[in-house]
Amino acid sequence: MTEDGLAGVWACFDEQKHQAYGLGLRNGEALIGFAHYMLYPCTQSTKMICYVQDLYVLPDYRGRGLGKKVIQYIAEIGRTKNWRKIHWETRETNKEAQRSYDKIASRESGWVHYKLEL
């Protein structure tokens, strides 16, 4: 953890800034999918990290690379705003999405994800 990174995290807490954003995927007027992503500070850098929490495409529109295009669109935003990285998850059973994501990103290894239901 760097001093700058730690200072950035605490500044974010003090300022009560929660940066969440959404995107709609449309086919004409019809909403066919959406993405929800948020930014949070990094303790190892002064750059922000983006977590794509939700990425959903209606079943009839899957397999067309729309999820990949959404990630690439968010990545372009991140490049212009100097974010550190983008990360997201997909279900172990969603092999089609994994094949698409494997072409544009590396899998984050060495981490075990936990959750605590409240």
C-alpha atoms as a PDB file:
ATOM      1  CA  MET A   1       0.000   0.000   0.000  1.00  0.00           C
ATOM      2  CA  THR A   2       1.415   3.373  -1.010  1.00  0.00           C
ATOM      3  CA  GLU A   3       0.967   6.555   1.011  1.00  0.00           C
ATOM      4  CA  ASP A   4      -0.710   8.222  -1.968  1.00  0.00           C
ATOM      5  CA  GLY A   5      -3.027   5.254  -2.392  1.00  0.00           C
ATOM      6  CA  LEU A   6      -4.015   5.238   1.276  1.00  0.00           C
ATOM      7  CA  ALA A   7      -4.553   9.009   1.259  1.00  0.00           C
ATOM      8  CA  GLY A   8      -6.772   8.670  -1.803  1.00  0.00           C
ATOM      9  CA  VAL A   9      -8.902   5.986  -0.164  1.00  0.00           C
ATOM     10  CA  TRP A  10      -9.427   8.036   2.974  1.00  0.00           C
ATOM     11  CA  ALA A  11     -10.172  11.180   0.963  1.00  0.00           C
ATOM     12  CA  CYS A  12     -12.882   9.263  -0.878  1.00  0.00           C
ATOM     13  CA  PHE A  13     -14.403   8.115   2.425  1.00  0.00           C
ATOM     14  CA  ASP A  14     -14.273  11.638   3.814  1.00  0.00           C
ATOM     15  CA  GLU A  15     -15.896  13.132   0.738  1.00  0.00           C
ATOM     16  CA  GLN A  16     -18.638  10.477   0.684  1.00  0.00           C
ATOM     17  CA  LYS A  17     -18.266  10.088  -3.073  1.00  0.00           C
ATOM     18  CA  HIS A  18     -19.745   6.942  -4.529  1.00  0.00           C
ATOM     19  CA  GLN A  19     -19.357   6.864  -8.257  1.00  0.00           C
ATOM     20  CA  ALA A  20     -21.853   4.498  -9.882  1.00  0.00           C
ATOM     21  CA  TYR A  21     -22.883   4.576 -13.520  1.00  0.00           C
ATOM     22  CA  GLY A  22     -25.222   2.736 -15.854  1.00  0.00           C
ATOM     23  CA  LEU A  23     -25.432   2.032 -19.569  1.00  0.00           C
ATOM     24  CA  GLY A  24     -28.417   0.891 -21.576  1.00  0.00           C
ATOM     25  CA  LEU A  25     -28.132  -1.335 -24.637  1.00  0.00           C
ATOM     26  CA  ARG A  26     -30.807  -0.542 -27.182  1.00  0.00           C
ATOM     27  CA  ASN A  27     -32.075  -1.989 -30.405  1.00  0.00           C
ATOM     28  CA  GLY A  28     -34.067   0.945 -31.741  1.00  0.00           C
ATOM     29  CA  GLU A  29     -36.370   1.917 -28.885  1.00  0.00           C
ATOM     30  CA  ALA A  30     -36.168  -1.470 -27.154  1.00  0.00           C
ATOM     31  CA  LEU A  31     -33.898  -1.903 -24.142  1.00  0.00           C
ATOM     32  CA  ILE A  32     -32.056  -5.178 -24.769  1.00  0.00           C
ATOM     33  CA  GLY A  33     -29.490  -5.043 -21.981  1.00  0.00           C
ATOM     34  CA  PHE A  34     -27.708  -2.945 -19.428  1.00  0.00           C
ATOM     35  CA  ALA A  35     -24.477  -2.536 -17.526  1.00  0.00           C
ATOM     36  CA  HIS A  36     -23.861  -1.074 -14.089  1.00  0.00           C
ATOM     37  CA  TYR A  37     -20.374  -0.127 -12.979  1.00  0.00           C
ATOM     38  CA  MET A  38     -18.784   1.731 -10.114  1.00  0.00           C
ATOM     39  CA  LEU A  39     -15.474   3.326  -9.296  1.00  0.00           C
ATOM     40  CA  TYR A  40     -13.550   2.979  -6.088  1.00  0.00           C
ATOM     41  CA  PRO A  41     -10.110   4.073  -4.896  1.00  0.00           C
ATOM     42  CA  CYS A  42      -7.065   1.837  -4.938  1.00  0.00           C
ATOM     43  CA  THR A  43      -4.699   1.585  -1.972  1.00  0.00           C
ATOM     44  CA  GLN A  44      -1.776   0.746  -4.287  1.00  0.00           C
ATOM     45  CA  SER A  45      -2.166   3.726  -6.607  1.00  0.00           C
ATOM     46  CA  THR A  46      -3.822   7.112  -6.927  1.00  0.00           C
ATOM     47  CA  LYS A  47      -5.820   5.769  -9.873  1.00  0.00           C
ATOM     48  CA  MET A  48      -9.408   4.585  -9.565  1.00  0.00           C
ATOM     49  CA  ILE A  49     -10.544   1.005 -10.167  1.00  0.00           C
ATOM     50  CA  CYS A  50     -13.739   0.157 -12.021  1.00  0.00           C
ATOM     51  CA  TYR A  51     -15.904  -2.801 -11.031  1.00  0.00           C
ATOM     52  CA  VAL A  52     -18.572  -3.855 -13.524  1.00  0.00           C
ATOM     53  CA  GLN A  53     -21.207  -5.185 -11.168  1.00  0.00           C
ATOM     54  CA  ASP A  54     -23.920  -6.053 -13.668  1.00  0.00           C
ATOM     55  CA  LEU A  55     -23.786  -6.808 -17.349  1.00  0.00           C
ATOM     56  CA  TYR A  56     -26.955  -8.290 -18.806  1.00  0.00           C
ATOM     57  CA  VAL A  57     -28.118  -8.921 -22.365  1.00  0.00           C
ATOM     58  CA  LEU A  58     -31.520 -10.381 -23.213  1.00  0.00           C
ATOM     59  CA  PRO A  59     -31.255 -14.044 -24.284  1.00  0.00           C
ATOM     60  CA  ASP A  60     -32.357 -13.339 -27.882  1.00  0.00           C
ATOM     61  CA  TYR A  61     -29.410 -10.928 -28.302  1.00  0.00           C
ATOM     62  CA  ARG A  62     -26.666 -13.036 -26.735  1.00  0.00           C
ATOM     63  CA  GLY A  63     -23.822 -14.457 -28.794  1.00  0.00           C
ATOM     64  CA  ARG A  64     -23.428 -11.249 -30.809  1.00  0.00           C
ATOM     65  CA  GLY A  65     -20.479  -9.849 -28.867  1.00  0.00           C
ATOM     66  CA  LEU A  66     -22.535  -7.168 -27.101  1.00  0.00           C
ATOM     67  CA  GLY A  67     -21.064  -7.921 -23.660  1.00  0.00           C
ATOM     68  CA  LYS A  68     -17.563  -7.647 -25.076  1.00  0.00           C
ATOM     69  CA  LYS A  69     -18.449  -4.335 -26.731  1.00  0.00           C
ATOM     70  CA  VAL A  70     -19.786  -2.975 -23.443  1.00  0.00           C
ATOM     71  CA  ILE A  71     -16.554  -3.891 -21.640  1.00  0.00           C
ATOM     72  CA  GLN A  72     -14.534  -2.289 -24.437  1.00  0.00           C
ATOM     73  CA  TYR A  73     -16.673   0.857 -24.220  1.00  0.00           C
ATOM     74  CA  ILE A  74     -16.162   1.093 -20.448  1.00  0.00           C
ATOM     75  CA  ALA A  75     -12.431   0.443 -20.988  1.00  0.00           C
ATOM     76  CA  GLU A  76     -12.243   3.377 -23.376  1.00  0.00           C
ATOM     77  CA  ILE A  77     -13.831   5.610 -20.739  1.00  0.00           C
ATOM     78  CA  GLY A  78     -11.261   4.299 -18.261  1.00  0.00           C
ATOM     79  CA  ARG A  79      -8.360   5.025 -20.585  1.00  0.00           C
ATOM     80  CA  THR A  80      -9.466   8.626 -21.061  1.00  0.00           C
ATOM     81  CA  LYS A  81      -9.981   9.081 -17.302  1.00  0.00           C
ATOM     82  CA  ASN A  82      -6.760   7.269 -16.361  1.00  0.00           C
ATOM     83  CA  TRP A  83      -8.281   4.429 -14.312  1.00  0.00           C
ATOM     84  CA  ARG A  84      -5.975   1.662 -13.103  1.00  0.00           C
ATOM     85  CA  LYS A  85      -8.085  -1.324 -14.188  1.00  0.00           C
ATOM     86  CA  ILE A  86     -11.537  -2.748 -14.794  1.00  0.00           C
ATOM     87  CA  HIS A  87     -12.677  -6.028 -13.337  1.00  0.00           C
ATOM     88  CA  TRP A  88     -15.837  -8.108 -13.421  1.00  0.00           C
ATOM     89  CA  GLU A  89     -17.088 -11.618 -12.811  1.00  0.00           C
ATOM     90  CA  THR A  90     -19.174 -14.086 -14.719  1.00  0.00           C
ATOM     91  CA  ARG A  91     -20.801 -17.324 -13.679  1.00  0.00           C
ATOM     92  CA  GLU A  92     -18.648 -20.427 -13.940  1.00  0.00           C
ATOM     93  CA  THR A  93     -21.309 -21.910 -16.216  1.00  0.00           C
ATOM     94  CA  ASN A  94     -21.356 -18.958 -18.635  1.00  0.00           C
ATOM     95  CA  LYS A  95     -18.762 -20.415 -21.003  1.00  0.00           C
ATOM     96  CA  GLU A  96     -19.906 -18.348 -23.987  1.00  0.00           C
ATOM     97  CA  ALA A  97     -19.249 -15.061 -22.159  1.00  0.00           C
ATOM     98  CA  GLN A  98     -15.924 -16.393 -20.845  1.00  0.00           C
ATOM     99  CA  ARG A  99     -14.743 -17.212 -24.373  1.00  0.00           C
ATOM    100  CA  SER A 100     -15.546 -13.664 -25.422  1.00  0.00           C
ATOM    101  CA  TYR A 101     -13.945 -12.039 -22.362  1.00  0.00           C
ATOM    102  CA  ASP A 102     -10.832 -14.225 -22.643  1.00  0.00           C
ATOM    103  CA  LYS A 103     -10.115 -12.471 -25.955  1.00  0.00           C
ATOM    104  CA  ILE A 104      -9.943  -8.995 -24.380  1.00  0.00           C
ATOM    105  CA  ALA A 105      -8.832  -9.512 -20.752  1.00  0.00           C
ATOM    106  CA  SER A 106      -6.809 -11.825 -18.568  1.00  0.00           C
ATOM    107  CA  ARG A 107      -8.350 -13.869 -15.808  1.00  0.00           C
ATOM    108  CA  GLU A 108      -7.472 -12.625 -12.357  1.00  0.00           C
ATOM    109  CA  SER A 109      -5.728 -15.553 -10.738  1.00  0.00           C
ATOM    110  CA  GLY A 110      -4.454 -15.966  -7.226  1.00  0.00           C
ATOM    111  CA  TRP A 111      -7.633 -14.667  -5.610  1.00  0.00           C
ATOM    112  CA  VAL A 112     -10.489 -16.495  -3.927  1.00  0.00           C
ATOM    113  CA  HIS A 113     -13.775 -14.607  -3.874  1.00  0.00           C
ATOM    114  CA  TYR A 114     -15.970 -14.706  -0.771  1.00  0.00           C
ATOM    115  CA  LYS A 115     -19.402 -13.443   0.062  1.00  0.00           C
ATOM    116  CA  LEU A 116     -21.298 -13.070   3.304  1.00  0.00           C
ATOM    117  CA  GLU A 117     -25.061 -12.958   2.961  1.00  0.00           C
ATOM    118  CA  LEU A 118     -26.675 -10.475   5.349  1.00  0.00           C
END
